[in-house]
Protein backbone atom coordinates (compact mmCIF):
# COMPACT_ATOMS: atom_id res chain seq x y z
CA UNK A 1 0.00 0.00 0.00
CA UNK A 2 1.39 3.37 -1.04
CA UNK A 3 1.11 5.87 1.81
CA UNK A 4 2.90 8.68 -0.01
CA UNK A 5 0.22 11.39 -0.43
CA UNK A 6 1.91 12.86 -3.47
CA UNK A 7 1.46 9.60 -5.40
CA UNK A 8 -1.95 8.46 -4.17
CA UNK A 9 -5.05 9.32 -6.16
CA UNK A 10 -7.72 11.70 -4.86
CA UNK A 11 -10.43 9.21 -5.85
CA UNK A 12 -8.81 6.64 -3.55
CA UNK A 13 -9.04 9.10 -0.66
CA UNK A 14 -12.67 9.86 -1.44
CA UNK A 15 -13.53 6.16 -1.65
CA UNK A 16 -11.70 5.39 1.60
CA UNK A 17 -13.37 8.29 3.42
CA UNK A 18 -16.81 7.30 2.13
CA UNK A 19 -16.27 3.67 3.15
CA UNK A 20 -15.10 4.60 6.65
CA UNK A 21 -18.05 6.97 7.05
CA UNK A 22 -20.46 4.26 5.90
CA UNK A 23 -18.84 1.73 8.24
CA UNK A 24 -19.20 4.16 11.17
CA UNK A 25 -22.91 4.54 10.39
CA UNK A 26 -23.37 0.77 10.24
CA UNK A 27 -21.58 0.28 13.58
CA UNK A 28 -23.69 3.04 15.19
CA UNK A 29 -26.89 1.44 13.86
CA UNK A 30 -25.96 -2.01 15.12
CA UNK A 31 -25.00 -0.65 18.54
CA UNK A 32 -28.27 1.29 18.69
CA UNK A 33 -30.30 -1.88 18.08
CA UNK A 34 -28.26 -3.85 20.62
CA UNK A 35 -28.17 -1.23 23.38
CA UNK A 36 -31.70 0.21 23.18
CA UNK A 37 -33.47 -2.81 24.71
CA UNK A 38 -30.83 -2.97 27.45
CA UNK A 39 -31.25 0.74 28.26
CA UNK A 40 -35.05 0.43 28.28
CA UNK A 41 -34.80 -2.53 30.66
CA UNK A 42 -32.45 -0.59 32.95
CA UNK A 43 -34.34 2.73 32.94
CA UNK A 44 -37.92 1.72 32.30
CA UNK A 45 -40.07 3.05 29.48
CA UNK A 46 -40.93 6.39 31.11
CA UNK A 47 -37.37 7.35 31.91
CA UNK A 48 -36.16 6.07 28.54
CA UNK A 49 -38.75 8.32 26.90
CA UNK A 50 -37.51 11.25 28.97
CA UNK A 51 -33.92 10.42 28.04
CA UNK A 52 -34.90 10.30 24.35
CA UNK A 53 -36.69 13.64 24.63
CA UNK A 54 -33.70 15.31 26.28
CA UNK A 55 -31.36 13.78 23.70
CA UNK A 56 -33.54 15.16 20.88
CA UNK A 57 -33.47 18.64 22.47
CA UNK A 58 -29.67 18.50 22.72
CA UNK A 59 -29.36 17.33 19.12
CA UNK A 60 -31.47 20.25 17.89
CA UNK A 61 -29.39 22.69 19.93
CA UNK A 62 -26.20 21.28 18.41
CA UNK A 63 -27.32 22.98 15.21
CA UNK A 64 -26.27 26.24 16.89
CA UNK A 65 -22.70 25.33 15.90
CA UNK A 66 -23.68 26.29 12.33
CA UNK A 67 -20.47 24.81 10.93
CA UNK A 68 -18.14 26.94 13.02
CA UNK A 69 -16.23 23.86 14.23
CA UNK A 70 -15.35 22.85 10.69
CA UNK A 71 -14.51 26.46 9.81
CA UNK A 72 -12.12 26.73 12.75
CA UNK A 73 -10.21 23.66 11.58
CA UNK A 74 -10.03 24.93 8.00
CA UNK A 75 -9.02 28.52 8.78
CA UNK A 76 -6.46 27.62 11.45
CA UNK A 77 -4.90 24.92 9.27
CA UNK A 78 -4.80 27.33 6.31
CA UNK A 79 -3.17 30.07 8.40
CA UNK A 80 -0.64 27.64 9.87
CA UNK A 81 0.12 26.27 6.43
CA UNK A 82 0.93 29.79 5.24
CA UNK A 83 2.82 30.56 8.49
CA UNK A 84 0.49 33.53 8.94
CA UNK A 85 0.53 34.09 12.69
CA UNK A 86 -1.83 37.09 12.52
CA UNK A 87 -4.50 35.15 10.57
CA UNK A 88 -4.08 32.21 12.96
CA UNK A 89 -4.54 34.40 16.04
CA UNK A 90 -7.47 36.26 14.46
CA UNK A 91 -9.25 33.00 13.61
CA UNK A 92 -8.72 31.55 17.08
CA UNK A 93 -9.81 34.75 18.85
CA UNK A 94 -12.86 35.19 16.62
CA UNK A 95 -14.05 31.65 17.11
CA UNK A 96 -13.34 31.79 20.83
CA UNK A 97 -15.65 34.77 21.26
CA UNK A 98 -18.18 33.24 18.87
CA UNK A 99 -18.29 30.14 21.06
CA UNK A 100 -18.57 32.26 24.21
CA UNK A 101 -21.60 34.01 22.68
CA UNK A 102 -23.09 30.69 21.56
CA UNK A 103 -22.55 29.14 25.00
CA UNK A 104 -24.22 32.12 26.68
CA UNK A 105 -27.18 31.92 24.32
CA UNK A 106 -27.36 28.14 24.79
CA UNK A 107 -27.36 28.53 28.58
CA UNK A 108 -30.31 30.94 28.38
CA UNK A 109 -32.19 28.64 25.97
CA UNK A 110 -31.54 25.57 28.15
CA UNK A 111 -32.63 27.46 31.27
CA UNK A 112 -35.90 28.41 29.55
CA UNK A 113 -36.47 24.89 28.28
CA UNK A 114 -35.69 23.43 31.72
CA UNK A 115 -38.08 25.89 33.38
CA UNK A 116 -41.04 24.91 31.20
CA UNK A 117 -39.99 21.35 30.29
CA UNK A 118 -42.74 19.53 32.16
CA UNK A 119 -45.44 21.97 30.99
CA UNK A 120 -44.48 22.10 27.31
CA UNK A 121 -44.01 18.35 26.97
CA UNK A 122 -46.72 17.40 29.49
CA UNK A 123 -44.40 15.22 31.56
CA UNK A 124 -45.73 13.31 34.54
CA UNK A 125 -45.03 15.21 37.78
CA UNK A 126 -42.41 12.71 38.97
CA UNK A 127 -40.37 13.14 35.76
CA UNK A 128 -40.43 16.96 35.59
CA UNK A 129 -37.77 17.46 38.26
CA UNK A 130 -35.61 14.65 36.87
CA UNK A 131 -35.83 16.16 33.38
CA UNK A 132 -34.88 19.62 34.57
CA UNK A 133 -31.96 18.23 36.53
CA UNK A 134 -30.73 16.11 33.62
CA UNK A 135 -31.07 18.94 31.13
C-alpha atoms as a PDB file:
ATOM      1  CA  UNK A   1       0.000   0.000   0.000  1.00  0.00           C
ATOM      2  CA  UNK A   2       1.393   3.372  -1.038  1.00  0.00           C
ATOM      3  CA  UNK A   3       1.105   5.874   1.805  1.00  0.00           C
ATOM      4  CA  UNK A   4       2.898   8.685  -0.014  1.00  0.00           C
ATOM      5  CA  UNK A   5       0.216  11.391  -0.429  1.00  0.00           C
ATOM      6  CA  UNK A   6       1.912  12.864  -3.471  1.00  0.00           C
ATOM      7  CA  UNK A   7       1.456   9.600  -5.398  1.00  0.00           C
ATOM      8  CA  UNK A   8      -1.952   8.460  -4.172  1.00  0.00           C
ATOM      9  CA  UNK A   9      -5.046   9.320  -6.163  1.00  0.00           C
ATOM     10  CA  UNK A  10      -7.720  11.703  -4.857  1.00  0.00           C
ATOM     11  CA  UNK A  11     -10.431   9.214  -5.850  1.00  0.00           C
ATOM     12  CA  UNK A  12      -8.814   6.637  -3.551  1.00  0.00           C
ATOM     13  CA  UNK A  13      -9.037   9.096  -0.662  1.00  0.00           C
ATOM     14  CA  UNK A  14     -12.670   9.857  -1.438  1.00  0.00           C
ATOM     15  CA  UNK A  15     -13.530   6.165  -1.650  1.00  0.00           C
ATOM     16  CA  UNK A  16     -11.698   5.392   1.603  1.00  0.00           C
ATOM     17  CA  UNK A  17     -13.368   8.288   3.419  1.00  0.00           C
ATOM     18  CA  UNK A  18     -16.805   7.301   2.126  1.00  0.00           C
ATOM     19  CA  UNK A  19     -16.266   3.672   3.148  1.00  0.00           C
ATOM     20  CA  UNK A  20     -15.102   4.602   6.651  1.00  0.00           C
ATOM     21  CA  UNK A  21     -18.053   6.973   7.050  1.00  0.00           C
ATOM     22  CA  UNK A  22     -20.460   4.262   5.903  1.00  0.00           C
ATOM     23  CA  UNK A  23     -18.837   1.728   8.239  1.00  0.00           C
ATOM     24  CA  UNK A  24     -19.203   4.160  11.168  1.00  0.00           C
ATOM     25  CA  UNK A  25     -22.909   4.544  10.386  1.00  0.00           C
ATOM     26  CA  UNK A  26     -23.374   0.773  10.242  1.00  0.00           C
ATOM     27  CA  UNK A  27     -21.581   0.280  13.582  1.00  0.00           C
ATOM     28  CA  UNK A  28     -23.689   3.035  15.191  1.00  0.00           C
ATOM     29  CA  UNK A  29     -26.886   1.440  13.864  1.00  0.00           C
ATOM     30  CA  UNK A  30     -25.956  -2.012  15.119  1.00  0.00           C
ATOM     31  CA  UNK A  31     -24.999  -0.646  18.541  1.00  0.00           C
ATOM     32  CA  UNK A  32     -28.274   1.287  18.685  1.00  0.00           C
ATOM     33  CA  UNK A  33     -30.302  -1.877  18.084  1.00  0.00           C
ATOM     34  CA  UNK A  34     -28.255  -3.849  20.624  1.00  0.00           C
ATOM     35  CA  UNK A  35     -28.174  -1.229  23.378  1.00  0.00           C
ATOM     36  CA  UNK A  36     -31.697   0.209  23.176  1.00  0.00           C
ATOM     37  CA  UNK A  37     -33.468  -2.809  24.713  1.00  0.00           C
ATOM     38  CA  UNK A  38     -30.827  -2.967  27.450  1.00  0.00           C
ATOM     39  CA  UNK A  39     -31.249   0.738  28.256  1.00  0.00           C
ATOM     40  CA  UNK A  40     -35.054   0.430  28.282  1.00  0.00           C
ATOM     41  CA  UNK A  41     -34.804  -2.533  30.660  1.00  0.00           C
ATOM     42  CA  UNK A  42     -32.453  -0.590  32.948  1.00  0.00           C
ATOM     43  CA  UNK A  43     -34.336   2.733  32.942  1.00  0.00           C
ATOM     44  CA  UNK A  44     -37.916   1.718  32.297  1.00  0.00           C
ATOM     45  CA  UNK A  45     -40.068   3.047  29.485  1.00  0.00           C
ATOM     46  CA  UNK A  46     -40.934   6.393  31.107  1.00  0.00           C
ATOM     47  CA  UNK A  47     -37.369   7.347  31.915  1.00  0.00           C
ATOM     48  CA  UNK A  48     -36.161   6.074  28.541  1.00  0.00           C
ATOM     49  CA  UNK A  49     -38.748   8.323  26.905  1.00  0.00           C
ATOM     50  CA  UNK A  50     -37.506  11.253  28.974  1.00  0.00           C
ATOM     51  CA  UNK A  51     -33.917  10.418  28.042  1.00  0.00           C
ATOM     52  CA  UNK A  52     -34.897  10.298  24.348  1.00  0.00           C
ATOM     53  CA  UNK A  53     -36.691  13.645  24.633  1.00  0.00           C
ATOM     54  CA  UNK A  54     -33.701  15.307  26.280  1.00  0.00           C
ATOM     55  CA  UNK A  55     -31.358  13.776  23.701  1.00  0.00           C
ATOM     56  CA  UNK A  56     -33.537  15.159  20.884  1.00  0.00           C
ATOM     57  CA  UNK A  57     -33.465  18.639  22.470  1.00  0.00           C
ATOM     58  CA  UNK A  58     -29.674  18.502  22.725  1.00  0.00           C
ATOM     59  CA  UNK A  59     -29.362  17.329  19.118  1.00  0.00           C
ATOM     60  CA  UNK A  60     -31.470  20.251  17.889  1.00  0.00           C
ATOM     61  CA  UNK A  61     -29.394  22.690  19.927  1.00  0.00           C
ATOM     62  CA  UNK A  62     -26.201  21.276  18.408  1.00  0.00           C
ATOM     63  CA  UNK A  63     -27.319  22.978  15.207  1.00  0.00           C
ATOM     64  CA  UNK A  64     -26.266  26.240  16.886  1.00  0.00           C
ATOM     65  CA  UNK A  65     -22.702  25.328  15.904  1.00  0.00           C
ATOM     66  CA  UNK A  66     -23.682  26.294  12.333  1.00  0.00           C
ATOM     67  CA  UNK A  67     -20.466  24.806  10.926  1.00  0.00           C
ATOM     68  CA  UNK A  68     -18.135  26.941  13.024  1.00  0.00           C
ATOM     69  CA  UNK A  69     -16.233  23.860  14.235  1.00  0.00           C
ATOM     70  CA  UNK A  70     -15.354  22.854  10.687  1.00  0.00           C
ATOM     71  CA  UNK A  71     -14.506  26.455   9.806  1.00  0.00           C
ATOM     72  CA  UNK A  72     -12.117  26.735  12.751  1.00  0.00           C
ATOM     73  CA  UNK A  73     -10.214  23.659  11.582  1.00  0.00           C
ATOM     74  CA  UNK A  74     -10.031  24.928   7.998  1.00  0.00           C
ATOM     75  CA  UNK A  75      -9.024  28.518   8.782  1.00  0.00           C
ATOM     76  CA  UNK A  76      -6.463  27.623  11.453  1.00  0.00           C
ATOM     77  CA  UNK A  77      -4.902  24.919   9.269  1.00  0.00           C
ATOM     78  CA  UNK A  78      -4.803  27.327   6.315  1.00  0.00           C
ATOM     79  CA  UNK A  79      -3.166  30.067   8.403  1.00  0.00           C
ATOM     80  CA  UNK A  80      -0.637  27.641   9.873  1.00  0.00           C
ATOM     81  CA  UNK A  81       0.124  26.265   6.433  1.00  0.00           C
ATOM     82  CA  UNK A  82       0.931  29.787   5.239  1.00  0.00           C
ATOM     83  CA  UNK A  83       2.824  30.562   8.486  1.00  0.00           C
ATOM     84  CA  UNK A  84       0.491  33.531   8.939  1.00  0.00           C
ATOM     85  CA  UNK A  85       0.530  34.095  12.693  1.00  0.00           C
ATOM     86  CA  UNK A  86      -1.828  37.089  12.522  1.00  0.00           C
ATOM     87  CA  UNK A  87      -4.499  35.153  10.570  1.00  0.00           C
ATOM     88  CA  UNK A  88      -4.083  32.212  12.958  1.00  0.00           C
ATOM     89  CA  UNK A  89      -4.544  34.399  16.037  1.00  0.00           C
ATOM     90  CA  UNK A  90      -7.473  36.257  14.457  1.00  0.00           C
ATOM     91  CA  UNK A  91      -9.251  33.003  13.605  1.00  0.00           C
ATOM     92  CA  UNK A  92      -8.722  31.549  17.085  1.00  0.00           C
ATOM     93  CA  UNK A  93      -9.814  34.754  18.848  1.00  0.00           C
ATOM     94  CA  UNK A  94     -12.863  35.193  16.620  1.00  0.00           C
ATOM     95  CA  UNK A  95     -14.053  31.650  17.109  1.00  0.00           C
ATOM     96  CA  UNK A  96     -13.343  31.786  20.832  1.00  0.00           C
ATOM     97  CA  UNK A  97     -15.651  34.772  21.263  1.00  0.00           C
ATOM     98  CA  UNK A  98     -18.177  33.244  18.865  1.00  0.00           C
ATOM     99  CA  UNK A  99     -18.286  30.141  21.060  1.00  0.00           C
ATOM    100  CA  UNK A 100     -18.571  32.258  24.206  1.00  0.00           C
ATOM    101  CA  UNK A 101     -21.597  34.005  22.680  1.00  0.00           C
ATOM    102  CA  UNK A 102     -23.090  30.688  21.563  1.00  0.00           C
ATOM    103  CA  UNK A 103     -22.554  29.140  24.999  1.00  0.00           C
ATOM    104  CA  UNK A 104     -24.215  32.120  26.684  1.00  0.00           C
ATOM    105  CA  UNK A 105     -27.184  31.922  24.319  1.00  0.00           C
ATOM    106  CA  UNK A 106     -27.359  28.144  24.789  1.00  0.00           C
ATOM    107  CA  UNK A 107     -27.364  28.527  28.576  1.00  0.00           C
ATOM    108  CA  UNK A 108     -30.306  30.937  28.380  1.00  0.00           C
ATOM    109  CA  UNK A 109     -32.186  28.641  25.975  1.00  0.00           C
ATOM    110  CA  UNK A 110     -31.540  25.574  28.148  1.00  0.00           C
ATOM    111  CA  UNK A 111     -32.631  27.462  31.273  1.00  0.00           C
ATOM    112  CA  UNK A 112     -35.903  28.414  29.546  1.00  0.00           C
ATOM    113  CA  UNK A 113     -36.468  24.886  28.285  1.00  0.00           C
ATOM    114  CA  UNK A 114     -35.693  23.430  31.719  1.00  0.00           C
ATOM    115  CA  UNK A 115     -38.085  25.890  33.381  1.00  0.00           C
ATOM    116  CA  UNK A 116     -41.036  24.911  31.198  1.00  0.00           C
ATOM    117  CA  UNK A 117     -39.991  21.353  30.288  1.00  0.00           C
ATOM    118  CA  UNK A 118     -42.740  19.527  32.160  1.00  0.00           C
ATOM    119  CA  UNK A 119     -45.437  21.973  30.990  1.00  0.00           C
ATOM    120  CA  UNK A 120     -44.481  22.103  27.307  1.00  0.00           C
ATOM    121  CA  UNK A 121     -44.006  18.353  26.971  1.00  0.00           C
ATOM    122  CA  UNK A 122     -46.716  17.402  29.487  1.00  0.00           C
ATOM    123  CA  UNK A 123     -44.403  15.222  31.557  1.00  0.00           C
ATOM    124  CA  UNK A 124     -45.733  13.313  34.535  1.00  0.00           C
ATOM    125  CA  UNK A 125     -45.025  15.206  37.783  1.00  0.00           C
ATOM    126  CA  UNK A 126     -42.413  12.710  38.968  1.00  0.00           C
ATOM    127  CA  UNK A 127     -40.368  13.143  35.756  1.00  0.00           C
ATOM    128  CA  UNK A 128     -40.430  16.957  35.590  1.00  0.00           C
ATOM    129  CA  UNK A 129     -37.767  17.459  38.257  1.00  0.00           C
ATOM    130  CA  UNK A 130     -35.610  14.649  36.870  1.00  0.00           C
ATOM    131  CA  UNK A 131     -35.835  16.163  33.381  1.00  0.00           C
ATOM    132  CA  UNK A 132     -34.875  19.624  34.569  1.00  0.00           C
ATOM    133  CA  UNK A 133     -31.960  18.229  36.525  1.00  0.00           C
ATOM    134  CA  UNK A 134     -30.726  16.113  33.621  1.00  0.00           C
ATOM    135  CA  UNK A 135     -31.073  18.942  31.130  1.00  0.00           C
END
